Amino acid sequence: MDIRLLIIDAPTHYLLKKTYDNRLDILYNTFLSNQAKNLNFIYLSKEMLPMFEPGDFIDFEHLNKNGRKKMTEFLKSYLNNNFNTIFQK
């Protein structure tokens, strides 16, 4: 059985990015993308996630009910589209 690790970058409020240098995001994404290729895991960066609005968050890092629903629908769709053989058993 082929089991692959799936790492998903968590959505964050856009104002959080104003608290640190954006080069950190670039380094972080580059590192995880390279590791995903080298170690054969799947990395979904923030750019691959749905657009989250300020109203989707309770605070800078946690989704509220609407944001959680949006994320859940995305994950459901992603898993069904990319791993549908798992769910057809």
N, C-alpha and C. Protein backbone atom coordinates (compact mmCIF):
# COMPACT_ATOMS: atom_id res chain seq x y z
N MET A 1 0.85 -1.18 0.00
CA MET A 1 0.00 0.00 0.00
C MET A 1 0.89 1.24 0.00
N ASP A 2 0.60 2.16 -0.88
CA ASP A 2 1.37 3.40 -0.99
C ASP A 2 0.72 4.47 -0.11
N ILE A 3 1.41 4.85 0.94
CA ILE A 3 0.90 5.89 1.84
C ILE A 3 1.83 7.09 1.76
N ARG A 4 1.26 8.24 1.45
CA ARG A 4 2.07 9.46 1.35
C ARG A 4 1.61 10.47 2.39
N LEU A 5 2.58 11.15 2.93
CA LEU A 5 2.33 12.21 3.88
C LEU A 5 1.79 13.43 3.15
N LEU A 6 0.81 14.07 3.72
CA LEU A 6 0.22 15.29 3.17
C LEU A 6 0.40 16.40 4.21
N ILE A 7 1.15 17.43 3.85
CA ILE A 7 1.35 18.59 4.73
C ILE A 7 0.64 19.78 4.12
N ILE A 8 -0.21 20.39 4.93
CA ILE A 8 -1.00 21.53 4.47
C ILE A 8 -0.60 22.75 5.28
N ASP A 9 -0.18 23.79 4.59
CA ASP A 9 0.14 25.05 5.27
C ASP A 9 -1.15 25.65 5.80
N ALA A 10 -1.15 26.04 7.03
CA ALA A 10 -2.37 26.57 7.64
C ALA A 10 -2.67 27.98 7.15
N PRO A 11 -3.94 28.27 6.91
CA PRO A 11 -4.29 29.64 6.53
C PRO A 11 -4.08 30.58 7.71
N THR A 12 -3.66 31.79 7.40
CA THR A 12 -3.48 32.81 8.43
C THR A 12 -4.08 34.12 7.94
N HIS A 13 -4.47 34.93 8.88
CA HIS A 13 -5.02 36.26 8.60
C HIS A 13 -3.95 37.10 7.90
N TYR A 14 -4.36 37.89 6.92
CA TYR A 14 -3.39 38.67 6.14
C TYR A 14 -2.61 39.66 7.02
N LEU A 15 -3.19 40.11 8.11
CA LEU A 15 -2.48 41.05 8.98
C LEU A 15 -1.31 40.40 9.71
N LEU A 16 -1.34 39.08 9.86
CA LEU A 16 -0.22 38.40 10.52
C LEU A 16 1.07 38.61 9.74
N LYS A 17 0.98 38.64 8.42
CA LYS A 17 2.18 38.83 7.59
C LYS A 17 2.84 40.18 7.82
N LYS A 18 2.10 41.12 8.35
CA LYS A 18 2.67 42.44 8.63
C LYS A 18 3.56 42.42 9.88
N THR A 19 3.54 41.31 10.62
CA THR A 19 4.30 41.24 11.86
C THR A 19 5.69 40.62 11.67
N TYR A 20 6.00 40.14 10.45
CA TYR A 20 7.31 39.55 10.20
C TYR A 20 7.73 39.81 8.75
N ASP A 21 8.99 39.61 8.48
CA ASP A 21 9.58 39.82 7.16
C ASP A 21 9.04 38.76 6.20
N ASN A 22 8.56 39.19 5.03
CA ASN A 22 7.97 38.24 4.08
C ASN A 22 9.00 37.26 3.51
N ARG A 23 10.28 37.53 3.69
CA ARG A 23 11.30 36.57 3.24
C ARG A 23 11.19 35.26 4.02
N LEU A 24 10.66 35.34 5.23
CA LEU A 24 10.45 34.13 6.01
C LEU A 24 9.48 33.18 5.30
N ASP A 25 8.40 33.72 4.74
CA ASP A 25 7.45 32.90 3.97
C ASP A 25 8.12 32.25 2.77
N ILE A 26 8.95 33.02 2.09
CA ILE A 26 9.64 32.49 0.90
C ILE A 26 10.57 31.35 1.29
N LEU A 27 11.35 31.55 2.35
CA LEU A 27 12.26 30.50 2.81
C LEU A 27 11.49 29.26 3.26
N TYR A 28 10.42 29.47 3.99
CA TYR A 28 9.59 28.38 4.51
C TYR A 28 9.00 27.58 3.35
N ASN A 29 8.40 28.26 2.38
CA ASN A 29 7.79 27.58 1.23
C ASN A 29 8.82 26.86 0.38
N THR A 30 9.96 27.50 0.18
CA THR A 30 11.03 26.87 -0.61
C THR A 30 11.53 25.61 0.09
N PHE A 31 11.75 25.70 1.39
CA PHE A 31 12.21 24.54 2.15
C PHE A 31 11.21 23.39 2.06
N LEU A 32 9.93 23.67 2.34
CA LEU A 32 8.93 22.59 2.32
C LEU A 32 8.73 22.03 0.91
N SER A 33 8.76 22.89 -0.09
CA SER A 33 8.62 22.40 -1.48
C SER A 33 9.77 21.48 -1.84
N ASN A 34 10.99 21.87 -1.47
CA ASN A 34 12.15 21.03 -1.76
C ASN A 34 12.09 19.72 -0.98
N GLN A 35 11.71 19.78 0.27
CA GLN A 35 11.60 18.57 1.08
C GLN A 35 10.52 17.64 0.52
N ALA A 36 9.42 18.22 0.06
CA ALA A 36 8.35 17.41 -0.53
C ALA A 36 8.86 16.63 -1.74
N LYS A 37 9.66 17.29 -2.56
CA LYS A 37 10.22 16.61 -3.74
C LYS A 37 11.22 15.54 -3.32
N ASN A 38 12.11 15.89 -2.39
CA ASN A 38 13.17 14.98 -1.97
C ASN A 38 12.65 13.78 -1.19
N LEU A 39 11.63 13.98 -0.38
CA LEU A 39 11.14 12.92 0.49
C LEU A 39 9.81 12.33 0.02
N ASN A 40 9.33 12.80 -1.11
CA ASN A 40 8.11 12.28 -1.74
C ASN A 40 6.87 12.42 -0.85
N PHE A 41 6.65 13.62 -0.35
CA PHE A 41 5.38 13.90 0.31
C PHE A 41 4.70 15.04 -0.41
N ILE A 42 3.46 15.27 -0.08
CA ILE A 42 2.66 16.30 -0.74
C ILE A 42 2.62 17.52 0.16
N TYR A 43 2.93 18.66 -0.40
CA TYR A 43 2.89 19.92 0.33
C TYR A 43 1.92 20.86 -0.36
N LEU A 44 0.89 21.27 0.36
CA LEU A 44 -0.05 22.26 -0.15
C LEU A 44 0.25 23.59 0.53
N SER A 45 0.77 24.51 -0.22
CA SER A 45 1.10 25.83 0.32
C SER A 45 -0.16 26.67 0.44
N LYS A 46 -0.04 27.80 1.11
CA LYS A 46 -1.18 28.71 1.27
C LYS A 46 -1.75 29.14 -0.08
N GLU A 47 -0.88 29.24 -1.08
CA GLU A 47 -1.32 29.67 -2.40
C GLU A 47 -2.23 28.64 -3.06
N MET A 48 -2.20 27.39 -2.59
CA MET A 48 -3.04 26.34 -3.15
C MET A 48 -4.38 26.23 -2.43
N LEU A 49 -4.50 26.91 -1.31
CA LEU A 49 -5.73 26.86 -0.51
C LEU A 49 -6.73 27.87 -1.04
N PRO A 50 -7.98 27.75 -0.63
CA PRO A 50 -8.96 28.77 -1.03
C PRO A 50 -8.60 30.12 -0.42
N MET A 51 -9.15 31.16 -0.99
CA MET A 51 -8.93 32.51 -0.46
C MET A 51 -9.73 32.66 0.83
N PHE A 52 -9.05 33.04 1.89
CA PHE A 52 -9.70 33.28 3.16
C PHE A 52 -9.76 34.78 3.40
N GLU A 53 -10.93 35.24 3.77
CA GLU A 53 -11.17 36.66 4.05
C GLU A 53 -10.95 36.92 5.54
N PRO A 54 -10.75 38.19 5.92
CA PRO A 54 -10.60 38.50 7.35
C PRO A 54 -11.75 37.97 8.19
N GLY A 55 -12.95 37.94 7.64
CA GLY A 55 -14.11 37.45 8.36
C GLY A 55 -14.14 35.94 8.56
N ASP A 56 -13.16 35.22 8.01
CA ASP A 56 -13.08 33.77 8.17
C ASP A 56 -12.27 33.37 9.41
N PHE A 57 -11.74 34.35 10.14
CA PHE A 57 -10.84 34.08 11.25
C PHE A 57 -11.40 34.56 12.59
N ILE A 58 -11.05 33.81 13.64
CA ILE A 58 -11.33 34.24 15.01
C ILE A 58 -10.22 35.19 15.45
N ASP A 59 -8.99 34.85 15.07
CA ASP A 59 -7.81 35.67 15.36
C ASP A 59 -6.86 35.50 14.17
N PHE A 60 -5.60 35.84 14.33
CA PHE A 60 -4.66 35.79 13.21
C PHE A 60 -4.39 34.38 12.69
N GLU A 61 -4.61 33.36 13.51
CA GLU A 61 -4.22 32.01 13.11
C GLU A 61 -5.32 30.97 13.15
N HIS A 62 -6.49 31.32 13.66
CA HIS A 62 -7.54 30.32 13.83
C HIS A 62 -8.79 30.69 13.04
N LEU A 63 -9.30 29.71 12.31
CA LEU A 63 -10.50 29.92 11.52
C LEU A 63 -11.74 29.87 12.40
N ASN A 64 -12.73 30.67 12.03
CA ASN A 64 -14.02 30.61 12.70
C ASN A 64 -14.88 29.56 12.00
N LYS A 65 -16.15 29.49 12.35
CA LYS A 65 -17.04 28.47 11.78
C LYS A 65 -17.08 28.55 10.26
N ASN A 66 -17.20 29.74 9.70
CA ASN A 66 -17.25 29.90 8.24
C ASN A 66 -15.93 29.48 7.60
N GLY A 67 -14.82 29.89 8.21
CA GLY A 67 -13.51 29.53 7.68
C GLY A 67 -13.26 28.03 7.75
N ARG A 68 -13.68 27.41 8.85
CA ARG A 68 -13.52 25.96 8.98
C ARG A 68 -14.35 25.23 7.93
N LYS A 69 -15.53 25.73 7.66
CA LYS A 69 -16.37 25.11 6.63
C LYS A 69 -15.69 25.22 5.26
N LYS A 70 -15.15 26.38 4.96
CA LYS A 70 -14.45 26.60 3.69
C LYS A 70 -13.26 25.65 3.57
N MET A 71 -12.49 25.50 4.65
CA MET A 71 -11.32 24.63 4.64
C MET A 71 -11.74 23.16 4.51
N THR A 72 -12.79 22.79 5.21
CA THR A 72 -13.28 21.41 5.15
C THR A 72 -13.75 21.07 3.74
N GLU A 73 -14.48 21.97 3.10
CA GLU A 73 -14.94 21.73 1.73
C GLU A 73 -13.76 21.61 0.77
N PHE A 74 -12.74 22.44 0.97
CA PHE A 74 -11.54 22.35 0.13
C PHE A 74 -10.88 20.98 0.31
N LEU A 75 -10.68 20.57 1.57
CA LEU A 75 -10.03 19.29 1.84
C LEU A 75 -10.83 18.12 1.28
N LYS A 76 -12.13 18.17 1.44
CA LYS A 76 -12.99 17.12 0.91
C LYS A 76 -12.82 17.02 -0.61
N SER A 77 -12.86 18.14 -1.28
CA SER A 77 -12.70 18.16 -2.73
C SER A 77 -11.30 17.70 -3.13
N TYR A 78 -10.28 18.19 -2.44
CA TYR A 78 -8.90 17.81 -2.77
C TYR A 78 -8.70 16.30 -2.61
N LEU A 79 -9.15 15.76 -1.49
CA LEU A 79 -8.98 14.34 -1.25
C LEU A 79 -9.77 13.50 -2.25
N ASN A 80 -10.99 13.90 -2.55
CA ASN A 80 -11.80 13.17 -3.53
C ASN A 80 -11.18 13.22 -4.92
N ASN A 81 -10.61 14.35 -5.30
CA ASN A 81 -10.03 14.49 -6.63
C ASN A 81 -8.66 13.83 -6.76
N ASN A 82 -7.93 13.73 -5.66
CA ASN A 82 -6.56 13.23 -5.74
C ASN A 82 -6.36 11.85 -5.13
N PHE A 83 -7.29 11.43 -4.30
CA PHE A 83 -7.15 10.15 -3.63
C PHE A 83 -8.46 9.38 -3.68
N ASN A 84 -9.21 9.53 -4.74
CA ASN A 84 -10.54 8.94 -4.80
C ASN A 84 -10.54 7.43 -4.72
N THR A 85 -9.45 6.77 -5.06
CA THR A 85 -9.43 5.31 -4.97
C THR A 85 -9.49 4.84 -3.53
N ILE A 86 -9.02 5.66 -2.61
CA ILE A 86 -9.09 5.32 -1.19
C ILE A 86 -10.53 5.26 -0.73
N PHE A 87 -11.34 6.19 -1.20
CA PHE A 87 -12.70 6.33 -0.71
C PHE A 87 -13.71 5.45 -1.46
N GLN A 88 -13.28 4.78 -2.51
CA GLN A 88 -14.19 3.94 -3.28
C GLN A 88 -14.26 2.52 -2.77
N LYS A 89 -13.48 2.19 -1.75
CA LYS A 89 -13.48 0.82 -1.21
C LYS A 89 -14.66 0.59 -0.31
